[in-house]
Amino acid sequence: ITSFVLQTTVFNFHDMTGVSPDLLMIITMSFGIMRGRREGMLTGFFC
C-alpha cells in the first residue's frame, strides 16, 4: 500500500520526463527473490 501510494502520488507529482519508478515492480521482485515463488506470486498478484 505504501509503495502504491508513493508511486501514484509523490513520484508522479515530481516527475519531469513523464515516467516514474515502478515501486510495485520493486516490491514484487524483492519478495520474489527473497521469499520464493509463492510469495513473489502473491505479492505480484496484489500489486
All heavy atoms as atom14 arrays in JSON, in Angstrom:
{
  "sequence": "ITSFVLQTTVFNFHDMTGVSPDLLMIITMSFGIMRGRREGMLTGFFC",
  "atom14_mask": [
    [1, 1, 1, 1, 1, 1, 1, 1, 0, 0, 0, 0, 0, 0],
    [1, 1, 1, 1, 1, 1, 1, 0, 0, 0, 0, 0, 0, 0],
    [1, 1, 1, 1, 1, 1, 0, 0, 0, 0, 0, 0, 0, 0],
    [1, 1, 1, 1, 1, 1, 1, 1, 1, 1, 1, 0, 0, 0],
    [1, 1, 1, 1, 1, 1, 1, 0, 0, 0, 0, 0, 0, 0],
    [1, 1, 1, 1, 1, 1, 1, 1, 0, 0, 0, 0, 0, 0],
    [1, 1, 1, 1, 1, 1, 1, 1, 1, 0, 0, 0, 0, 0],
    [1, 1, 1, 1, 1, 1, 1, 0, 0, 0, 0, 0, 0, 0],
    [1, 1, 1, 1, 1, 1, 1, 0, 0, 0, 0, 0, 0, 0],
    [1, 1, 1, 1, 1, 1, 1, 0, 0, 0, 0, 0, 0, 0],
    [1, 1, 1, 1, 1, 1, 1, 1, 1, 1, 1, 0, 0, 0],
    [1, 1, 1, 1, 1, 1, 1, 1, 0, 0, 0, 0, 0, 0],
    [1, 1, 1, 1, 1, 1, 1, 1, 1, 1, 1, 0, 0, 0],
    [1, 1, 1, 1, 1, 1, 1, 1, 1, 1, 0, 0, 0, 0],
    [1, 1, 1, 1, 1, 1, 1, 1, 0, 0, 0, 0, 0, 0],
    [1, 1, 1, 1, 1, 1, 1, 1, 0, 0, 0, 0, 0, 0],
    [1, 1, 1, 1, 1, 1, 1, 0, 0, 0, 0, 0, 0, 0],
    [1, 1, 1, 1, 0, 0, 0, 0, 0, 0, 0, 0, 0, 0],
    [1, 1, 1, 1, 1, 1, 1, 0, 0, 0, 0, 0, 0, 0],
    [1, 1, 1, 1, 1, 1, 0, 0, 0, 0, 0, 0, 0, 0],
    [1, 1, 1, 1, 1, 1, 1, 0, 0, 0, 0, 0, 0, 0],
    [1, 1, 1, 1, 1, 1, 1, 1, 0, 0, 0, 0, 0, 0],
    [1, 1, 1, 1, 1, 1, 1, 1, 0, 0, 0, 0, 0, 0],
    [1, 1, 1, 1, 1, 1, 1, 1, 0, 0, 0, 0, 0, 0],
    [1, 1, 1, 1, 1, 1, 1, 1, 0, 0, 0, 0, 0, 0],
    [1, 1, 1, 1, 1, 1, 1, 1, 0, 0, 0, 0, 0, 0],
    [1, 1, 1, 1, 1, 1, 1, 1, 0, 0, 0, 0, 0, 0],
    [1, 1, 1, 1, 1, 1, 1, 0, 0, 0, 0, 0, 0, 0],
    [1, 1, 1, 1, 1, 1, 1, 1, 0, 0, 0, 0, 0, 0],
    [1, 1, 1, 1, 1, 1, 0, 0, 0, 0, 0, 0, 0, 0],
    [1, 1, 1, 1, 1, 1, 1, 1, 1, 1, 1, 0, 0, 0],
    [1, 1, 1, 1, 0, 0, 0, 0, 0, 0, 0, 0, 0, 0],
    [1, 1, 1, 1, 1, 1, 1, 1, 0, 0, 0, 0, 0, 0],
    [1, 1, 1, 1, 1, 1, 1, 1, 0, 0, 0, 0, 0, 0],
    [1, 1, 1, 1, 1, 1, 1, 1, 1, 1, 1, 0, 0, 0],
    [1, 1, 1, 1, 0, 0, 0, 0, 0, 0, 0, 0, 0, 0],
    [1, 1, 1, 1, 1, 1, 1, 1, 1, 1, 1, 0, 0, 0],
    [1, 1, 1, 1, 1, 1, 1, 1, 1, 1, 1, 0, 0, 0],
    [1, 1, 1, 1, 1, 1, 1, 1, 1, 0, 0, 0, 0, 0],
    [1, 1, 1, 1, 0, 0, 0, 0, 0, 0, 0, 0, 0, 0],
    [1, 1, 1, 1, 1, 1, 1, 1, 0, 0, 0, 0, 0, 0],
    [1, 1, 1, 1, 1, 1, 1, 1, 0, 0, 0, 0, 0, 0],
    [1, 1, 1, 1, 1, 1, 1, 0, 0, 0, 0, 0, 0, 0],
    [1, 1, 1, 1, 0, 0, 0, 0, 0, 0, 0, 0, 0, 0],
    [1, 1, 1, 1, 1, 1, 1, 1, 1, 1, 1, 0, 0, 0],
    [1, 1, 1, 1, 1, 1, 1, 1, 1, 1, 1, 0, 0, 0],
    [1, 1, 1, 1, 1, 1, 0, 0, 0, 0, 0, 0, 0, 0]
  ],
  "atom14_positions": [
    [[0.83, -1.2, 0.0], [0.0, 0.0, 0.0], [0.87, 1.25, 0.0], [0.61, 2.2, -0.75], [-0.97, -0.02, 1.2], [-2.01, -1.13, 1.0], [-1.64, 1.33, 1.39], [-2.85, -1.42, 2.22], [0.0, 0.0, 0.0], [0.0, 0.0, 0.0], [0.0, 0.0, 0.0], [0.0, 0.0, 0.0], [0.0, 0.0, 0.0], [0.0, 0.0, 0.0]],
    [[1.93, 1.25, 0.8], [2.83, 2.4, 0.84], [3.51, 2.61, -0.52], [3.6, 3.74, -1.01], [3.9, 2.2, 1.93], [3.24, 2.0, 3.18], [4.81, 3.4, 2.03], [0.0, 0.0, 0.0], [0.0, 0.0, 0.0], [0.0, 0.0, 0.0], [0.0, 0.0, 0.0], [0.0, 0.0, 0.0], [0.0, 0.0, 0.0], [0.0, 0.0, 0.0]],
    [[3.96, 1.53, -1.13], [4.61, 1.63, -2.45], [3.63, 2.17, -3.48], [3.99, 3.02, -4.3], [5.12, 0.27, -2.9], [6.14, -0.17, -2.04], [0.0, 0.0, 0.0], [0.0, 0.0, 0.0], [0.0, 0.0, 0.0], [0.0, 0.0, 0.0], [0.0, 0.0, 0.0], [0.0, 0.0, 0.0], [0.0, 0.0, 0.0], [0.0, 0.0, 0.0]],
    [[2.4, 1.68, -3.45], [1.39, 2.14, -4.41], [1.1, 3.63, -4.22], [1.05, 4.39, -5.2], [0.11, 1.33, -4.26], [-0.97, 1.77, -5.2], [-0.91, 1.45, -6.54], [-2.05, 2.5, -4.74], [-1.9, 1.87, -7.42], [-3.04, 2.93, -5.6], [-2.97, 2.6, -6.94], [0.0, 0.0, 0.0], [0.0, 0.0, 0.0], [0.0, 0.0, 0.0]],
    [[0.94, 4.05, -2.98], [0.64, 5.46, -2.71], [1.81, 6.34, -3.14], [1.61, 7.38, -3.78], [0.28, 5.68, -1.22], [0.24, 7.14, -0.86], [-1.05, 5.01, -0.9], [0.0, 0.0, 0.0], [0.0, 0.0, 0.0], [0.0, 0.0, 0.0], [0.0, 0.0, 0.0], [0.0, 0.0, 0.0], [0.0, 0.0, 0.0], [0.0, 0.0, 0.0]],
    [[3.03, 5.94, -2.82], [4.19, 6.72, -3.23], [4.33, 6.76, -4.75], [4.62, 7.82, -5.32], [5.47, 6.15, -2.61], [5.66, 6.38, -1.12], [6.88, 5.62, -0.62], [5.8, 7.86, -0.82], [0.0, 0.0, 0.0], [0.0, 0.0, 0.0], [0.0, 0.0, 0.0], [0.0, 0.0, 0.0], [0.0, 0.0, 0.0], [0.0, 0.0, 0.0]],
    [[4.12, 5.63, -5.4], [4.26, 5.57, -6.85], [3.21, 6.44, -7.55], [3.52, 7.09, -8.54], [4.12, 4.13, -7.33], [4.19, 3.96, -8.83], [4.13, 2.51, -9.25], [4.54, 1.63, -8.5], [3.62, 2.25, -10.43], [0.0, 0.0, 0.0], [0.0, 0.0, 0.0], [0.0, 0.0, 0.0], [0.0, 0.0, 0.0], [0.0, 0.0, 0.0]],
    [[2.01, 6.46, -7.04], [0.94, 7.17, -7.73], [0.78, 8.62, -7.3], [0.08, 9.37, -7.99], [-0.4, 6.44, -7.53], [-0.67, 6.34, -6.13], [-0.36, 5.08, -8.16], [0.0, 0.0, 0.0], [0.0, 0.0, 0.0], [0.0, 0.0, 0.0], [0.0, 0.0, 0.0], [0.0, 0.0, 0.0], [0.0, 0.0, 0.0], [0.0, 0.0, 0.0]],
    [[1.41, 9.03, -6.23], [1.28, 10.42, -5.78], [2.61, 11.15, -5.83], [2.83, 12.0, -6.68], [0.69, 10.49, -4.35], [1.52, 9.75, -3.46], [-0.72, 9.97, -4.32], [0.0, 0.0, 0.0], [0.0, 0.0, 0.0], [0.0, 0.0, 0.0], [0.0, 0.0, 0.0], [0.0, 0.0, 0.0], [0.0, 0.0, 0.0], [0.0, 0.0, 0.0]],
    [[3.5, 10.82, -4.94], [4.75, 11.56, -4.79], [5.61, 11.51, -6.05], [6.05, 12.53, -6.56], [5.55, 11.04, -3.57], [6.91, 11.7, -3.49], [4.77, 11.26, -2.29], [0.0, 0.0, 0.0], [0.0, 0.0, 0.0], [0.0, 0.0, 0.0], [0.0, 0.0, 0.0], [0.0, 0.0, 0.0], [0.0, 0.0, 0.0], [0.0, 0.0, 0.0]],
    [[5.84, 10.3, -6.58], [6.72, 10.18, -7.74], [6.07, 10.67, -9.02], [6.75, 11.11, -9.93], [7.23, 8.75, -7.89], [8.23, 8.39, -6.84], [7.92, 7.49, -5.85], [9.49, 8.97, -6.83], [8.84, 7.16, -4.87], [10.41, 8.65, -5.86], [10.09, 7.74, -4.87], [0.0, 0.0, 0.0], [0.0, 0.0, 0.0], [0.0, 0.0, 0.0]],
    [[4.76, 10.6, -9.13], [4.09, 11.17, -10.29], [4.05, 12.68, -10.22], [4.06, 13.37, -11.23], [2.67, 10.62, -10.44], [2.63, 9.33, -11.2], [3.57, 8.99, -11.9], [1.54, 8.61, -11.07], [0.0, 0.0, 0.0], [0.0, 0.0, 0.0], [0.0, 0.0, 0.0], [0.0, 0.0, 0.0], [0.0, 0.0, 0.0], [0.0, 0.0, 0.0]],
    [[3.99, 13.23, -9.02], [3.95, 14.68, -8.84], [5.29, 15.33, -9.18], [5.34, 16.39, -9.78], [3.54, 15.02, -7.41], [3.46, 16.49, -7.14], [2.44, 17.25, -7.68], [4.41, 17.12, -6.35], [2.35, 18.61, -7.44], [4.33, 18.48, -6.11], [3.3, 19.22, -6.65], [0.0, 0.0, 0.0], [0.0, 0.0, 0.0], [0.0, 0.0, 0.0]],
    [[6.38, 14.69, -8.8], [7.71, 15.25, -9.03], [8.35, 14.73, -10.31], [9.55, 14.82, -10.51], [8.64, 14.91, -7.86], [8.26, 15.63, -6.61], [8.35, 16.98, -6.49], [7.75, 15.17, -5.45], [7.94, 17.33, -5.29], [7.57, 16.26, -4.64], [0.0, 0.0, 0.0], [0.0, 0.0, 0.0], [0.0, 0.0, 0.0], [0.0, 0.0, 0.0]],
    [[7.54, 14.22, -11.19], [8.01, 13.62, -12.43], [8.26, 14.68, -13.48], [7.42, 15.52, -13.74], [6.94, 12.63, -12.9], [7.36, 11.91, -14.12], [8.56, 11.7, -14.28], [6.48, 11.58, -14.91], [0.0, 0.0, 0.0], [0.0, 0.0, 0.0], [0.0, 0.0, 0.0], [0.0, 0.0, 0.0], [0.0, 0.0, 0.0], [0.0, 0.0, 0.0]],
    [[9.44, 14.66, -14.08], [9.77, 15.67, -15.1], [9.72, 15.12, -16.52], [9.48, 15.86, -17.44], [11.17, 16.22, -14.84], [11.28, 17.01, -13.59], [12.86, 17.82, -13.55], [12.79, 18.61, -11.98], [0.0, 0.0, 0.0], [0.0, 0.0, 0.0], [0.0, 0.0, 0.0], [0.0, 0.0, 0.0], [0.0, 0.0, 0.0], [0.0, 0.0, 0.0]],
    [[9.94, 13.84, -16.67], [10.03, 13.28, -18.02], [8.78, 12.53, -18.46], [8.73, 12.04, -19.57], [11.22, 12.31, -18.1], [10.99, 11.25, -17.18], [12.52, 13.0, -17.82], [0.0, 0.0, 0.0], [0.0, 0.0, 0.0], [0.0, 0.0, 0.0], [0.0, 0.0, 0.0], [0.0, 0.0, 0.0], [0.0, 0.0, 0.0], [0.0, 0.0, 0.0]],
    [[7.79, 12.43, -17.61], [6.57, 11.71, -17.96], [6.57, 10.27, -17.5], [5.62, 9.55, -17.74], [0.0, 0.0, 0.0], [0.0, 0.0, 0.0], [0.0, 0.0, 0.0], [0.0, 0.0, 0.0], [0.0, 0.0, 0.0], [0.0, 0.0, 0.0], [0.0, 0.0, 0.0], [0.0, 0.0, 0.0], [0.0, 0.0, 0.0], [0.0, 0.0, 0.0]],
    [[7.64, 9.83, -16.85], [7.7, 8.47, -16.32], [8.12, 8.53, -14.86], [8.76, 9.48, -14.42], [8.69, 7.58, -17.1], [8.22, 7.35, -18.51], [10.07, 8.15, -17.1], [0.0, 0.0, 0.0], [0.0, 0.0, 0.0], [0.0, 0.0, 0.0], [0.0, 0.0, 0.0], [0.0, 0.0, 0.0], [0.0, 0.0, 0.0], [0.0, 0.0, 0.0]],
    [[7.74, 7.53, -14.12], [8.11, 7.45, -12.71], [8.57, 6.03, -12.4], [8.25, 5.09, -13.14], [6.92, 7.83, -11.82], [5.85, 6.95, -12.04], [0.0, 0.0, 0.0], [0.0, 0.0, 0.0], [0.0, 0.0, 0.0], [0.0, 0.0, 0.0], [0.0, 0.0, 0.0], [0.0, 0.0, 0.0], [0.0, 0.0, 0.0], [0.0, 0.0, 0.0]],
    [[9.31, 5.83, -11.32], [9.79, 4.48, -11.0], [8.62, 3.57, -10.62], [7.62, 4.01, -10.07], [10.73, 4.7, -9.81], [10.34, 6.0, -9.24], [9.79, 6.82, -10.35], [0.0, 0.0, 0.0], [0.0, 0.0, 0.0], [0.0, 0.0, 0.0], [0.0, 0.0, 0.0], [0.0, 0.0, 0.0], [0.0, 0.0, 0.0], [0.0, 0.0, 0.0]],
    [[8.77, 2.32, -10.93], [7.72, 1.32, -10.66], [8.02, 0.65, -9.32], [8.67, -0.4, -9.26], [7.69, 0.3, -11.8], [6.45, -0.54, -11.78], [5.71, -0.5, -10.78], [6.21, -1.25, -12.77], [0.0, 0.0, 0.0], [0.0, 0.0, 0.0], [0.0, 0.0, 0.0], [0.0, 0.0, 0.0], [0.0, 0.0, 0.0], [0.0, 0.0, 0.0]],
    [[7.54, 1.24, -8.25], [7.78, 0.72, -6.91], [7.08, -0.61, -6.68], [7.56, -1.45, -5.91], [7.34, 1.74, -5.86], [8.03, 3.09, -5.9], [7.49, 4.01, -4.82], [9.53, 2.95, -5.78], [0.0, 0.0, 0.0], [0.0, 0.0, 0.0], [0.0, 0.0, 0.0], [0.0, 0.0, 0.0], [0.0, 0.0, 0.0], [0.0, 0.0, 0.0]],
    [[5.96, -0.82, -7.35], [5.26, -2.09, -7.21], [6.07, -3.24, -7.84], [6.06, -4.36, -7.32], [3.87, -2.01, -7.85], [2.9, -1.04, -7.18], [1.61, -0.95, -7.96], [2.64, -1.44, -5.74], [0.0, 0.0, 0.0], [0.0, 0.0, 0.0], [0.0, 0.0, 0.0], [0.0, 0.0, 0.0], [0.0, 0.0, 0.0], [0.0, 0.0, 0.0]],
    [[6.78, -2.94, -8.9], [7.64, -3.96, -9.5], [8.82, -4.26, -8.57], [9.24, -5.41, -8.45], [8.16, -3.48, -10.87], [9.03, -4.49, -11.58], [8.22, -6.04, -11.92], [7.12, -5.52, -13.22], [0.0, 0.0, 0.0], [0.0, 0.0, 0.0], [0.0, 0.0, 0.0], [0.0, 0.0, 0.0], [0.0, 0.0, 0.0], [0.0, 0.0, 0.0]],
    [[9.32, -3.23, -7.89], [10.44, -3.44, -6.98], [10.04, -4.36, -5.83], [10.77, -5.28, -5.48], [10.97, -2.09, -6.45], [11.57, -1.27, -7.59], [12.01, -2.31, -5.35], [11.93, 0.15, -7.21], [0.0, 0.0, 0.0], [0.0, 0.0, 0.0], [0.0, 0.0, 0.0], [0.0, 0.0, 0.0], [0.0, 0.0, 0.0], [0.0, 0.0, 0.0]],
    [[8.86, -4.13, -5.26], [8.44, -4.98, -4.14], [8.11, -6.39, -4.61], [8.4, -7.37, -3.93], [7.26, -4.35, -3.35], [7.08, -5.06, -2.02], [5.98, -4.36, -4.14], [6.16, -4.37, -1.07], [0.0, 0.0, 0.0], [0.0, 0.0, 0.0], [0.0, 0.0, 0.0], [0.0, 0.0, 0.0], [0.0, 0.0, 0.0], [0.0, 0.0, 0.0]],
    [[7.55, -6.51, -5.82], [7.28, -7.84, -6.37], [8.57, -8.6, -6.6], [8.69, -9.77, -6.23], [6.48, -7.71, -7.68], [5.25, -7.04, -7.43], [6.22, -9.06, -8.3], [0.0, 0.0, 0.0], [0.0, 0.0, 0.0], [0.0, 0.0, 0.0], [0.0, 0.0, 0.0], [0.0, 0.0, 0.0], [0.0, 0.0, 0.0], [0.0, 0.0, 0.0]],
    [[9.55, -7.95, -7.2], [10.84, -8.58, -7.45], [11.53, -8.93, -6.13], [12.04, -10.03, -5.96], [11.72, -7.66, -8.29], [13.12, -8.18, -8.59], [14.42, -7.87, -7.37], [14.35, -6.15, -7.08], [0.0, 0.0, 0.0], [0.0, 0.0, 0.0], [0.0, 0.0, 0.0], [0.0, 0.0, 0.0], [0.0, 0.0, 0.0], [0.0, 0.0, 0.0]],
    [[11.52, -8.0, -5.19], [12.25, -8.19, -3.94], [11.72, -9.4, -3.17], [12.5, -10.27, -2.74], [12.14, -6.95, -3.07], [12.74, -5.85, -3.7], [0.0, 0.0, 0.0], [0.0, 0.0, 0.0], [0.0, 0.0, 0.0], [0.0, 0.0, 0.0], [0.0, 0.0, 0.0], [0.0, 0.0, 0.0], [0.0, 0.0, 0.0], [0.0, 0.0, 0.0]],
    [[10.42, -9.46, -2.99], [9.89, -10.56, -2.21], [9.85, -11.86, -3.0], [9.83, -12.94, -2.42], [8.53, -10.2, -1.61], [8.68, -9.32, -0.41], [8.63, -7.95, -0.52], [8.95, -9.87, 0.83], [8.82, -7.13, 0.58], [9.14, -9.07, 1.93], [9.08, -7.7, 1.81], [0.0, 0.0, 0.0], [0.0, 0.0, 0.0], [0.0, 0.0, 0.0]],
    [[9.89, -11.77, -4.31], [10.02, -12.98, -5.12], [11.37, -13.63, -4.92], [11.46, -14.84, -4.68], [0.0, 0.0, 0.0], [0.0, 0.0, 0.0], [0.0, 0.0, 0.0], [0.0, 0.0, 0.0], [0.0, 0.0, 0.0], [0.0, 0.0, 0.0], [0.0, 0.0, 0.0], [0.0, 0.0, 0.0], [0.0, 0.0, 0.0], [0.0, 0.0, 0.0]],
    [[12.44, -12.84, -5.0], [13.77, -13.46, -4.86], [14.15, -13.68, -3.4], [14.98, -14.54, -3.12], [14.86, -12.67, -5.62], [15.06, -11.29, -5.06], [14.58, -12.62, -7.08], [16.23, -10.55, -5.67], [0.0, 0.0, 0.0], [0.0, 0.0, 0.0], [0.0, 0.0, 0.0], [0.0, 0.0, 0.0], [0.0, 0.0, 0.0], [0.0, 0.0, 0.0]],
    [[13.56, -12.94, -2.47], [13.89, -13.15, -1.07], [13.1, -14.29, -0.44], [13.6, -14.99, 0.43], [13.65, -11.88, -0.25], [14.7, -10.82, -0.43], [14.56, -9.48, 0.74], [13.05, -8.68, 0.24], [0.0, 0.0, 0.0], [0.0, 0.0, 0.0], [0.0, 0.0, 0.0], [0.0, 0.0, 0.0], [0.0, 0.0, 0.0], [0.0, 0.0, 0.0]],
    [[11.83, -14.48, -0.85], [10.96, -15.42, -0.19], [10.52, -16.6, -1.05], [9.92, -17.53, -0.55], [9.71, -14.7, 0.33], [9.96, -13.52, 1.21], [10.44, -13.85, 2.54], [9.42, -14.6, 3.27], [9.51, -14.9, 4.53], [10.56, -14.52, 5.21], [8.58, -15.57, 5.12], [0.0, 0.0, 0.0], [0.0, 0.0, 0.0], [0.0, 0.0, 0.0]],
    [[10.72, -16.54, -2.35], [10.37, -17.68, -3.2], [9.22, -17.41, -4.14], [8.66, -16.31, -4.19], [0.0, 0.0, 0.0], [0.0, 0.0, 0.0], [0.0, 0.0, 0.0], [0.0, 0.0, 0.0], [0.0, 0.0, 0.0], [0.0, 0.0, 0.0], [0.0, 0.0, 0.0], [0.0, 0.0, 0.0], [0.0, 0.0, 0.0], [0.0, 0.0, 0.0]],
    [[8.86, -18.45, -4.9], [7.85, -18.32, -5.95], [6.47, -17.97, -5.4], [5.79, -17.11, -5.95], [7.77, -19.62, -6.75], [8.99, -19.9, -7.57], [8.82, -21.17, -8.34], [8.63, -22.27, -7.41], [9.34, -23.39, -7.41], [10.26, -23.56, -8.31], [9.11, -24.33, -6.54], [0.0, 0.0, 0.0], [0.0, 0.0, 0.0], [0.0, 0.0, 0.0]],
    [[6.06, -18.63, -4.35], [4.71, -18.41, -3.82], [4.55, -16.97, -3.32], [3.57, -16.3, -3.64], [4.43, -19.4, -2.69], [3.06, -19.27, -2.1], [2.82, -20.4, -1.09], [1.58, -20.2, -0.41], [1.47, -19.65, 0.79], [2.56, -19.28, 1.45], [0.3, -19.48, 1.35], [0.0, 0.0, 0.0], [0.0, 0.0, 0.0], [0.0, 0.0, 0.0]],
    [[5.51, -16.53, -2.54], [5.45, -15.16, -2.0], [5.56, -14.12, -3.12], [4.89, -13.1, -3.1], [6.57, -14.97, -0.99], [6.45, -13.73, -0.18], [5.86, -14.0, 1.18], [5.83, -15.15, 1.62], [5.44, -13.02, 1.8], [0.0, 0.0, 0.0], [0.0, 0.0, 0.0], [0.0, 0.0, 0.0], [0.0, 0.0, 0.0], [0.0, 0.0, 0.0]],
    [[6.42, -14.37, -4.09], [6.55, -13.46, -5.23], [5.27, -13.38, -6.03], [4.84, -12.31, -6.46], [0.0, 0.0, 0.0], [0.0, 0.0, 0.0], [0.0, 0.0, 0.0], [0.0, 0.0, 0.0], [0.0, 0.0, 0.0], [0.0, 0.0, 0.0], [0.0, 0.0, 0.0], [0.0, 0.0, 0.0], [0.0, 0.0, 0.0], [0.0, 0.0, 0.0]],
    [[4.64, -14.54, -6.23], [3.39, -14.57, -6.99], [2.27, -13.85, -6.24], [1.52, -13.07, -6.83], [2.99, -16.03, -7.26], [1.75, -16.17, -8.11], [1.38, -17.87, -8.54], [1.02, -18.57, -6.94], [0.0, 0.0, 0.0], [0.0, 0.0, 0.0], [0.0, 0.0, 0.0], [0.0, 0.0, 0.0], [0.0, 0.0, 0.0], [0.0, 0.0, 0.0]],
    [[2.16, -14.06, -4.95], [1.11, -13.4, -4.16], [1.34, -11.9, -4.07], [0.4, -11.1, -4.19], [1.02, -14.02, -2.76], [0.43, -15.42, -2.72], [0.56, -16.01, -1.32], [-1.02, -15.41, -3.16], [0.0, 0.0, 0.0], [0.0, 0.0, 0.0], [0.0, 0.0, 0.0], [0.0, 0.0, 0.0], [0.0, 0.0, 0.0], [0.0, 0.0, 0.0]],
    [[2.59, -11.51, -3.87], [2.9, -10.08, -3.84], [2.6, -9.44, -5.18], [1.99, -8.37, -5.25], [4.39, -9.87, -3.46], [4.66, -10.53, -2.23], [4.71, -8.4, -3.32], [0.0, 0.0, 0.0], [0.0, 0.0, 0.0], [0.0, 0.0, 0.0], [0.0, 0.0, 0.0], [0.0, 0.0, 0.0], [0.0, 0.0, 0.0], [0.0, 0.0, 0.0]],
    [[2.99, -10.09, -6.26], [2.7, -9.59, -7.6], [1.21, -9.52, -7.87], [0.73, -8.58, -8.51], [0.0, 0.0, 0.0], [0.0, 0.0, 0.0], [0.0, 0.0, 0.0], [0.0, 0.0, 0.0], [0.0, 0.0, 0.0], [0.0, 0.0, 0.0], [0.0, 0.0, 0.0], [0.0, 0.0, 0.0], [0.0, 0.0, 0.0], [0.0, 0.0, 0.0]],
    [[0.47, -10.51, -7.39], [-0.98, -10.52, -7.58], [-1.62, -9.28, -6.95], [-2.41, -8.58, -7.59], [-1.58, -11.8, -6.96], [-3.07, -11.85, -6.98], [-3.74, -12.25, -8.11], [-3.81, -11.49, -5.86], [-5.12, -12.31, -8.14], [-5.18, -11.53, -5.88], [-5.85, -11.95, -7.03], [0.0, 0.0, 0.0], [0.0, 0.0, 0.0], [0.0, 0.0, 0.0]],
    [[-1.26, -8.99, -5.71], [-1.87, -7.86, -5.03], [-1.37, -6.52, -5.56], [-2.13, -5.55, -5.63], [-1.68, -7.97, -3.51], [-2.53, -9.05, -2.92], [-1.96, -10.21, -2.43], [-3.9, -8.93, -2.88], [-2.74, -11.22, -1.9], [-4.7, -9.94, -2.36], [-4.12, -11.08, -1.87], [0.0, 0.0, 0.0], [0.0, 0.0, 0.0], [0.0, 0.0, 0.0]],
    [[-0.11, -6.46, -5.96], [0.4, -5.23, -6.59], [-0.32, -4.95, -7.9], [-0.77, -3.83, -8.17], [1.91, -5.33, -6.83], [2.92, -5.24, -5.36], [0.0, 0.0, 0.0], [0.0, 0.0, 0.0], [0.0, 0.0, 0.0], [0.0, 0.0, 0.0], [0.0, 0.0, 0.0], [0.0, 0.0, 0.0], [0.0, 0.0, 0.0], [0.0, 0.0, 0.0]]
  ]
}
